[in-house]
N, C-alpha and C. Protein backbone atom coordinates (compact mmCIF):
# COMPACT_ATOMS: atom_id res chain seq x y z
N UNK A 1 -137.06 -50.46 160.76
CA UNK A 1 -138.03 -51.42 161.18
C UNK A 1 -137.85 -52.75 160.41
N UNK A 2 -137.45 -52.65 159.15
CA UNK A 2 -137.22 -53.87 158.36
C UNK A 2 -136.16 -54.76 159.01
N UNK A 3 -135.15 -54.14 159.56
CA UNK A 3 -134.06 -54.93 160.17
C UNK A 3 -134.48 -55.57 161.48
N UNK A 4 -135.51 -55.02 162.11
CA UNK A 4 -136.02 -55.63 163.35
C UNK A 4 -136.93 -56.80 163.01
N UNK A 5 -137.88 -56.58 162.09
CA UNK A 5 -138.85 -57.62 161.73
C UNK A 5 -138.21 -58.72 160.89
N UNK A 6 -137.38 -58.34 159.92
CA UNK A 6 -136.63 -59.26 159.06
C UNK A 6 -137.53 -60.23 158.28
N UNK A 7 -138.65 -59.74 157.80
CA UNK A 7 -139.55 -60.56 156.98
C UNK A 7 -139.03 -60.59 155.55
N UNK A 8 -138.83 -61.78 154.98
CA UNK A 8 -138.34 -61.86 153.60
C UNK A 8 -139.41 -61.47 152.59
N UNK A 9 -138.97 -60.98 151.44
CA UNK A 9 -139.89 -60.61 150.37
C UNK A 9 -140.56 -61.88 149.81
N UNK A 10 -141.72 -61.71 149.17
CA UNK A 10 -142.39 -62.86 148.56
C UNK A 10 -141.49 -63.57 147.54
N UNK A 11 -141.52 -64.87 147.53
CA UNK A 11 -140.75 -65.68 146.59
C UNK A 11 -141.67 -66.73 145.99
N UNK A 12 -142.16 -66.47 144.79
CA UNK A 12 -143.02 -67.43 144.11
C UNK A 12 -142.36 -67.85 142.81
N UNK A 13 -142.17 -69.15 142.63
CA UNK A 13 -141.47 -69.65 141.45
C UNK A 13 -142.15 -69.25 140.15
N UNK A 14 -143.48 -69.30 140.12
CA UNK A 14 -144.21 -68.99 138.90
C UNK A 14 -144.55 -67.51 138.74
N UNK A 15 -144.13 -66.68 139.71
CA UNK A 15 -144.40 -65.24 139.65
C UNK A 15 -143.16 -64.48 140.11
N UNK A 16 -142.22 -64.26 139.19
CA UNK A 16 -140.98 -63.56 139.58
C UNK A 16 -141.24 -62.08 139.86
N UNK A 17 -140.39 -61.50 140.68
CA UNK A 17 -140.46 -60.06 140.96
C UNK A 17 -140.23 -59.31 139.66
N UNK A 18 -140.95 -58.23 139.46
CA UNK A 18 -140.84 -57.45 138.23
C UNK A 18 -139.94 -56.23 138.36
N UNK A 19 -139.29 -56.09 139.51
CA UNK A 19 -138.37 -54.97 139.72
C UNK A 19 -137.26 -55.40 140.67
N UNK A 20 -136.17 -54.69 140.61
CA UNK A 20 -135.03 -54.94 141.50
C UNK A 20 -135.29 -54.23 142.84
N UNK A 21 -134.86 -54.84 143.92
CA UNK A 21 -134.96 -54.22 145.25
C UNK A 21 -133.57 -54.16 145.88
N UNK A 22 -133.38 -53.21 146.78
CA UNK A 22 -132.08 -53.05 147.42
C UNK A 22 -131.84 -54.06 148.52
N UNK A 23 -132.93 -54.56 149.10
CA UNK A 23 -132.77 -55.57 150.15
C UNK A 23 -133.79 -56.67 149.94
N UNK A 24 -133.63 -57.75 150.63
CA UNK A 24 -134.59 -58.86 150.56
C UNK A 24 -135.59 -58.81 151.72
N UNK A 25 -135.62 -57.68 152.42
CA UNK A 25 -136.53 -57.51 153.55
C UNK A 25 -137.77 -56.74 153.09
N UNK A 26 -138.93 -57.13 153.61
CA UNK A 26 -140.16 -56.61 153.05
C UNK A 26 -141.07 -55.82 153.98
N UNK A 27 -140.98 -55.97 155.28
CA UNK A 27 -141.96 -55.36 156.18
C UNK A 27 -141.37 -54.21 156.98
N UNK A 28 -141.99 -53.04 156.94
CA UNK A 28 -143.10 -52.59 156.11
C UNK A 28 -142.60 -52.06 154.78
N UNK A 29 -143.52 -51.78 153.88
CA UNK A 29 -143.15 -51.21 152.58
C UNK A 29 -142.69 -49.76 152.76
N UNK A 30 -141.46 -49.49 152.38
CA UNK A 30 -140.94 -48.12 152.49
C UNK A 30 -141.66 -47.19 151.51
N UNK A 31 -142.00 -47.70 150.32
CA UNK A 31 -142.72 -46.87 149.35
C UNK A 31 -144.09 -46.48 149.91
N UNK A 32 -144.77 -47.42 150.52
CA UNK A 32 -146.07 -47.15 151.13
C UNK A 32 -145.92 -46.15 152.28
N UNK A 33 -144.92 -46.36 153.11
CA UNK A 33 -144.69 -45.48 154.26
C UNK A 33 -144.44 -44.04 153.81
N UNK A 34 -143.53 -43.85 152.89
CA UNK A 34 -143.18 -42.49 152.48
C UNK A 34 -144.30 -41.81 151.70
N UNK A 35 -145.02 -42.56 150.87
CA UNK A 35 -146.09 -41.93 150.09
C UNK A 35 -147.25 -41.52 150.98
N UNK A 36 -147.60 -42.33 151.99
CA UNK A 36 -148.67 -41.95 152.90
C UNK A 36 -148.24 -40.84 153.85
N UNK A 37 -146.98 -40.81 154.23
CA UNK A 37 -146.48 -39.70 155.05
C UNK A 37 -146.57 -38.40 154.26
N UNK A 38 -146.18 -38.43 153.00
CA UNK A 38 -146.25 -37.24 152.16
C UNK A 38 -147.70 -36.80 151.96
N UNK A 39 -148.59 -37.75 151.73
CA UNK A 39 -150.01 -37.41 151.55
C UNK A 39 -150.55 -36.71 152.80
N UNK A 40 -150.17 -37.19 153.95
CA UNK A 40 -150.63 -36.59 155.22
C UNK A 40 -150.06 -35.18 155.41
N UNK A 41 -148.80 -35.00 155.10
CA UNK A 41 -148.15 -33.70 155.28
C UNK A 41 -148.69 -32.66 154.29
N UNK A 42 -148.87 -33.06 153.03
CA UNK A 42 -149.25 -32.11 151.99
C UNK A 42 -150.75 -31.95 151.79
N UNK A 43 -151.57 -32.57 152.63
CA UNK A 43 -153.02 -32.52 152.45
C UNK A 43 -153.58 -31.10 152.60
N UNK A 44 -152.83 -30.21 153.21
CA UNK A 44 -153.28 -28.82 153.34
C UNK A 44 -153.03 -28.02 152.05
N UNK A 45 -152.13 -28.51 151.21
CA UNK A 45 -151.77 -27.80 149.99
C UNK A 45 -152.51 -28.30 148.75
N UNK A 46 -152.84 -29.58 148.73
CA UNK A 46 -153.51 -30.20 147.59
C UNK A 46 -154.69 -31.01 148.09
N UNK A 47 -155.64 -31.31 147.22
CA UNK A 47 -156.80 -32.09 147.66
C UNK A 47 -156.39 -33.47 148.21
N UNK A 48 -156.87 -33.76 149.42
CA UNK A 48 -156.52 -35.03 150.08
C UNK A 48 -156.89 -36.25 149.24
N UNK A 49 -158.07 -36.29 148.57
CA UNK A 49 -158.37 -37.48 147.77
C UNK A 49 -157.34 -37.72 146.66
N UNK A 50 -156.85 -36.66 146.07
CA UNK A 50 -155.81 -36.80 145.04
C UNK A 50 -154.54 -37.38 145.64
N UNK A 51 -154.10 -36.82 146.75
CA UNK A 51 -152.86 -37.28 147.39
C UNK A 51 -152.97 -38.73 147.85
N UNK A 52 -154.09 -39.08 148.49
CA UNK A 52 -154.25 -40.45 148.97
C UNK A 52 -154.48 -41.42 147.82
N UNK A 53 -155.06 -40.94 146.74
CA UNK A 53 -155.20 -41.78 145.54
C UNK A 53 -153.84 -42.13 144.95
N UNK A 54 -152.96 -41.14 144.89
CA UNK A 54 -151.61 -41.38 144.38
C UNK A 54 -150.85 -42.30 145.32
N UNK A 55 -150.95 -42.04 146.62
CA UNK A 55 -150.26 -42.88 147.62
C UNK A 55 -150.75 -44.32 147.54
N UNK A 56 -152.05 -44.49 147.42
CA UNK A 56 -152.62 -45.85 147.33
C UNK A 56 -152.17 -46.56 146.06
N UNK A 57 -152.15 -45.84 144.96
CA UNK A 57 -151.70 -46.43 143.69
C UNK A 57 -150.24 -46.87 143.78
N UNK A 58 -149.42 -46.03 144.37
CA UNK A 58 -148.01 -46.38 144.51
C UNK A 58 -147.85 -47.61 145.41
N UNK A 59 -148.58 -47.63 146.51
CA UNK A 59 -148.50 -48.76 147.43
C UNK A 59 -148.97 -50.05 146.76
N UNK A 60 -150.08 -49.98 146.06
CA UNK A 60 -150.62 -51.17 145.39
C UNK A 60 -149.71 -51.66 144.26
N UNK A 61 -148.97 -50.75 143.65
CA UNK A 61 -148.05 -51.17 142.59
C UNK A 61 -146.97 -52.10 143.13
N UNK A 62 -146.65 -51.98 144.41
CA UNK A 62 -145.63 -52.85 145.01
C UNK A 62 -146.13 -54.29 145.08
N UNK A 63 -147.45 -54.47 145.24
CA UNK A 63 -148.03 -55.82 145.18
C UNK A 63 -147.93 -56.36 143.77
N UNK A 64 -148.29 -55.54 142.79
CA UNK A 64 -148.23 -55.95 141.39
C UNK A 64 -146.81 -56.36 141.00
N UNK A 65 -145.83 -55.61 141.49
CA UNK A 65 -144.44 -55.90 141.15
C UNK A 65 -143.91 -57.14 141.87
N UNK A 66 -144.68 -57.66 142.82
CA UNK A 66 -144.31 -58.89 143.51
C UNK A 66 -143.26 -58.74 144.58
N UNK A 67 -143.13 -57.53 145.13
CA UNK A 67 -142.07 -57.30 146.12
C UNK A 67 -142.59 -57.11 147.54
N UNK A 68 -143.93 -57.16 147.72
CA UNK A 68 -144.51 -57.00 149.06
C UNK A 68 -145.75 -57.85 149.23
N UNK A 69 -146.04 -58.16 150.48
CA UNK A 69 -147.29 -58.79 150.87
C UNK A 69 -148.30 -57.68 151.17
N UNK A 70 -149.61 -57.97 151.14
CA UNK A 70 -150.60 -56.94 151.49
C UNK A 70 -150.38 -56.34 152.88
N UNK A 71 -149.96 -57.15 153.84
CA UNK A 71 -149.74 -56.61 155.18
C UNK A 71 -148.55 -55.64 155.22
N UNK A 72 -147.58 -55.81 154.34
CA UNK A 72 -146.46 -54.86 154.25
C UNK A 72 -146.97 -53.49 153.83
N UNK A 73 -147.89 -53.50 152.87
CA UNK A 73 -148.47 -52.26 152.35
C UNK A 73 -149.33 -51.59 153.43
N UNK A 74 -150.17 -52.37 154.08
CA UNK A 74 -151.05 -51.82 155.12
C UNK A 74 -150.24 -51.24 156.27
N UNK A 75 -149.22 -51.95 156.71
CA UNK A 75 -148.38 -51.46 157.80
C UNK A 75 -147.66 -50.18 157.38
N UNK A 76 -147.17 -50.15 156.16
CA UNK A 76 -146.50 -48.95 155.66
C UNK A 76 -147.43 -47.76 155.61
N UNK A 77 -148.68 -47.99 155.17
CA UNK A 77 -149.66 -46.90 155.11
C UNK A 77 -149.97 -46.36 156.50
N UNK A 78 -150.14 -47.25 157.46
CA UNK A 78 -150.41 -46.81 158.84
C UNK A 78 -149.22 -46.08 159.44
N UNK A 79 -148.04 -46.64 159.24
CA UNK A 79 -146.83 -46.01 159.77
C UNK A 79 -146.61 -44.64 159.13
N UNK A 80 -146.76 -44.58 157.81
CA UNK A 80 -146.57 -43.30 157.11
C UNK A 80 -147.56 -42.24 157.54
N UNK A 81 -148.81 -42.64 157.73
CA UNK A 81 -149.82 -41.70 158.19
C UNK A 81 -149.47 -41.17 159.59
N UNK A 82 -149.02 -42.06 160.45
CA UNK A 82 -148.62 -41.64 161.80
C UNK A 82 -147.43 -40.69 161.76
N UNK A 83 -146.45 -41.01 160.94
CA UNK A 83 -145.28 -40.13 160.80
C UNK A 83 -145.70 -38.78 160.25
N UNK A 84 -146.55 -38.77 159.23
CA UNK A 84 -147.04 -37.53 158.64
C UNK A 84 -147.79 -36.68 159.63
N UNK A 85 -148.50 -37.31 160.54
CA UNK A 85 -149.24 -36.58 161.57
C UNK A 85 -148.29 -35.87 162.53
N UNK A 86 -147.19 -36.51 162.86
CA UNK A 86 -146.20 -35.94 163.78
C UNK A 86 -145.47 -34.76 163.12
N UNK A 87 -145.22 -34.89 161.81
CA UNK A 87 -144.52 -33.81 161.11
C UNK A 87 -145.44 -32.65 160.95
């Protein structure tokens, strides 16, 4: 999906990225997508609030690191939840 949308990662002169990324494409957040998909799949094995708390923390950390926009995180969470539902 990143290659279709081709949205560049945030670039702020006074706020450099705090981590290395493999590509300069940002939408949707792959970390957000995979963590929410895992939370959806494993909710029968572990408490859902715990899983979604971890997924949310991981997704929000991508904002802190300066590598995603909020909409990247939201789209990843929705996409991951949908994927998790199918699995």
